[in-house]
Amino acid sequence: MQELYKEIILDHFRRPRHRHEIESAEIEERLNNPLCGDEVTVYANLRDDALDVSFTGRGCAISQASASMLAERLAGKSREEAQEEVSAFLQMMRTEPNEGLGDLVALKKVVQTPNRIRCATLAWDALKRGTERR
């Protein structure tokens, strides 16, 4: 099972989904992890009650795969649905795996040390911050 989780992360790292800037994005939130140098910028627009979300950045496989997974999972959701997903993911990263989050559980299973949790939550924290400001 651990190998499956690693493959999910490597797939998103090698073939990221929604990796691009959004011109004139309502939300453009950049965060970095000074411990390892990872950085992610999350872009989002809410149009017709459907989130358009993307990211750019650089860093380890976990941070970049997590940003790709965020963008893929939240695209088309309402603002409220997206905020609920972000909260559920961040809660999972602090506690126990949440099988209801599907492939996102791969991030919880692979991240074994506390400093890697920040890599996995970077994009999610950026979107949370951005939506709270808007």
Protein backbone atom coordinates (compact mmCIF):
# COMPACT_ATOMS: atom_id res chain seq x y z
CA MET A 1 0.00 0.00 0.00
CA GLN A 2 2.87 2.38 0.80
CA GLU A 3 4.16 1.92 -2.76
CA LEU A 4 0.77 2.95 -4.17
CA TYR A 5 0.86 6.15 -2.12
CA LYS A 6 4.37 6.93 -3.35
CA GLU A 7 3.26 6.36 -6.94
CA ILE A 8 0.34 8.78 -6.54
CA ILE A 9 2.68 11.48 -5.28
CA LEU A 10 5.30 10.81 -7.97
CA ASP A 11 2.62 10.93 -10.67
CA HIS A 12 1.45 14.38 -9.52
CA PHE A 13 5.05 15.56 -9.20
CA ARG A 14 6.05 14.35 -12.67
CA ARG A 15 2.77 15.37 -14.38
CA PRO A 16 1.33 18.22 -12.33
CA ARG A 17 -2.29 19.17 -12.91
CA HIS A 18 -3.36 22.82 -13.22
CA ARG A 19 0.22 24.12 -13.04
CA HIS A 20 -0.03 27.64 -14.48
CA GLU A 21 -0.77 31.21 -13.48
CA ILE A 22 -4.27 32.59 -13.74
CA GLU A 23 -4.32 36.09 -15.19
CA SER A 24 -6.07 38.59 -12.90
CA ALA A 25 -6.76 35.96 -10.25
CA GLU A 26 -8.98 37.03 -7.36
CA ILE A 27 -6.69 35.04 -5.10
CA GLU A 28 -2.92 34.94 -5.55
CA GLU A 29 -1.24 33.70 -2.41
CA ARG A 30 2.44 32.79 -2.18
CA LEU A 31 3.95 30.85 0.69
CA ASN A 32 7.36 29.35 1.21
CA ASN A 33 8.95 26.93 3.60
CA PRO A 34 12.20 28.50 4.79
CA LEU A 35 13.36 25.18 6.25
CA CYS A 36 13.73 23.54 2.84
CA GLY A 37 13.18 26.28 0.23
CA ASP A 38 9.87 25.01 -1.14
CA GLU A 39 7.60 27.72 -2.52
CA VAL A 40 4.09 27.63 -3.91
CA THR A 41 1.80 30.30 -5.32
CA VAL A 42 -1.87 29.39 -5.49
CA TYR A 43 -4.19 31.24 -7.89
CA ALA A 44 -7.97 31.07 -7.74
CA ASN A 45 -11.09 32.65 -9.16
CA LEU A 46 -14.64 31.94 -8.12
CA ARG A 47 -16.92 32.24 -11.11
CA ASP A 48 -20.50 30.97 -11.25
CA ASP A 49 -19.97 29.35 -7.85
CA ALA A 50 -17.18 27.15 -9.25
CA LEU A 51 -13.56 27.49 -8.22
CA ASP A 52 -10.89 27.81 -10.92
CA VAL A 53 -7.63 27.00 -9.15
CA SER A 54 -4.02 26.54 -10.22
CA PHE A 55 -0.51 26.82 -8.83
CA THR A 56 3.11 27.52 -9.64
CA GLY A 57 6.18 26.86 -7.56
CA ARG A 58 9.26 24.83 -6.96
CA GLY A 59 10.36 22.40 -4.32
CA CYS A 60 10.31 18.79 -3.28
CA ALA A 61 8.05 16.12 -4.70
CA ILE A 62 5.71 16.31 -1.71
CA SER A 63 5.10 20.07 -1.88
CA GLN A 64 4.60 20.14 -5.64
CA ALA A 65 2.48 16.99 -5.75
CA SER A 66 0.33 18.32 -2.93
CA ALA A 67 -0.28 21.57 -4.84
CA SER A 68 -1.24 19.56 -7.93
CA MET A 69 -3.59 17.39 -5.87
CA LEU A 70 -5.17 20.50 -4.33
CA ALA A 71 -5.82 22.05 -7.73
CA GLU A 72 -7.22 18.84 -9.18
CA ARG A 73 -9.44 18.11 -6.19
CA LEU A 74 -10.86 21.62 -5.74
CA ALA A 75 -11.40 22.66 -9.36
CA GLY A 76 -15.10 23.31 -9.95
CA LYS A 77 -16.09 23.24 -6.27
CA SER A 78 -17.92 26.10 -4.60
CA ARG A 79 -16.05 28.38 -2.23
CA GLU A 80 -17.72 26.68 0.76
CA GLU A 81 -16.92 23.19 -0.53
CA ALA A 82 -13.32 24.18 -1.13
CA GLN A 83 -12.98 25.66 2.35
CA GLU A 84 -14.41 22.45 3.86
CA GLU A 85 -11.95 20.32 1.86
CA VAL A 86 -9.02 22.51 2.90
CA SER A 87 -10.05 22.26 6.57
CA ALA A 88 -10.49 18.48 6.35
CA PHE A 89 -7.08 18.05 4.70
CA LEU A 90 -5.27 20.26 7.21
CA GLN A 91 -7.01 18.45 10.08
CA MET A 92 -5.96 15.08 8.64
CA MET A 93 -2.34 16.23 8.45
CA ARG A 94 -2.45 17.01 12.19
CA THR A 95 -4.29 13.85 13.24
CA GLU A 96 -5.28 10.55 11.61
CA PRO A 97 -5.76 9.61 7.95
CA ASN A 98 -9.21 10.45 6.58
CA GLU A 99 -10.13 7.86 3.95
CA GLY A 100 -12.92 10.17 2.77
CA LEU A 101 -10.24 12.38 1.22
CA GLY A 102 -9.32 9.71 -1.35
CA ASP A 103 -5.86 10.01 -2.88
CA LEU A 104 -4.97 12.85 -0.51
CA VAL A 105 -4.39 10.19 2.15
CA ALA A 106 -1.19 9.41 0.23
CA LEU A 107 0.29 12.63 1.60
CA LYS A 108 -0.48 11.63 5.18
CA LYS A 109 0.92 8.13 4.69
CA VAL A 110 4.18 9.28 3.10
CA VAL A 111 4.92 12.16 5.42
CA GLN A 112 6.62 10.51 8.38
CA THR A 113 8.54 13.40 9.92
CA PRO A 114 7.12 16.67 11.24
CA ASN A 115 9.19 18.93 8.98
CA ARG A 116 7.72 17.19 5.89
CA ILE A 117 4.18 18.03 6.99
CA ARG A 118 4.87 21.67 6.11
CA CYS A 119 5.82 20.57 2.60
CA ALA A 120 2.47 18.80 2.19
CA THR A 121 0.38 21.63 3.64
CA LEU A 122 2.05 24.61 1.95
CA ALA A 123 -0.39 25.00 -0.97
CA TRP A 124 -3.38 24.24 1.26
CA ASP A 125 -2.36 26.91 3.75
CA ALA A 126 -1.89 29.36 0.87
CA LEU A 127 -5.41 28.76 -0.45
CA LYS A 128 -6.85 28.96 3.06
CA ARG A 129 -5.14 32.29 3.66
CA GLY A 130 -6.27 33.60 0.28
CA THR A 131 -9.91 32.64 0.76
CA GLU A 132 -9.98 34.10 4.25
CA ARG A 133 -8.78 37.45 2.91
CA ARG A 134 -11.49 37.60 0.21
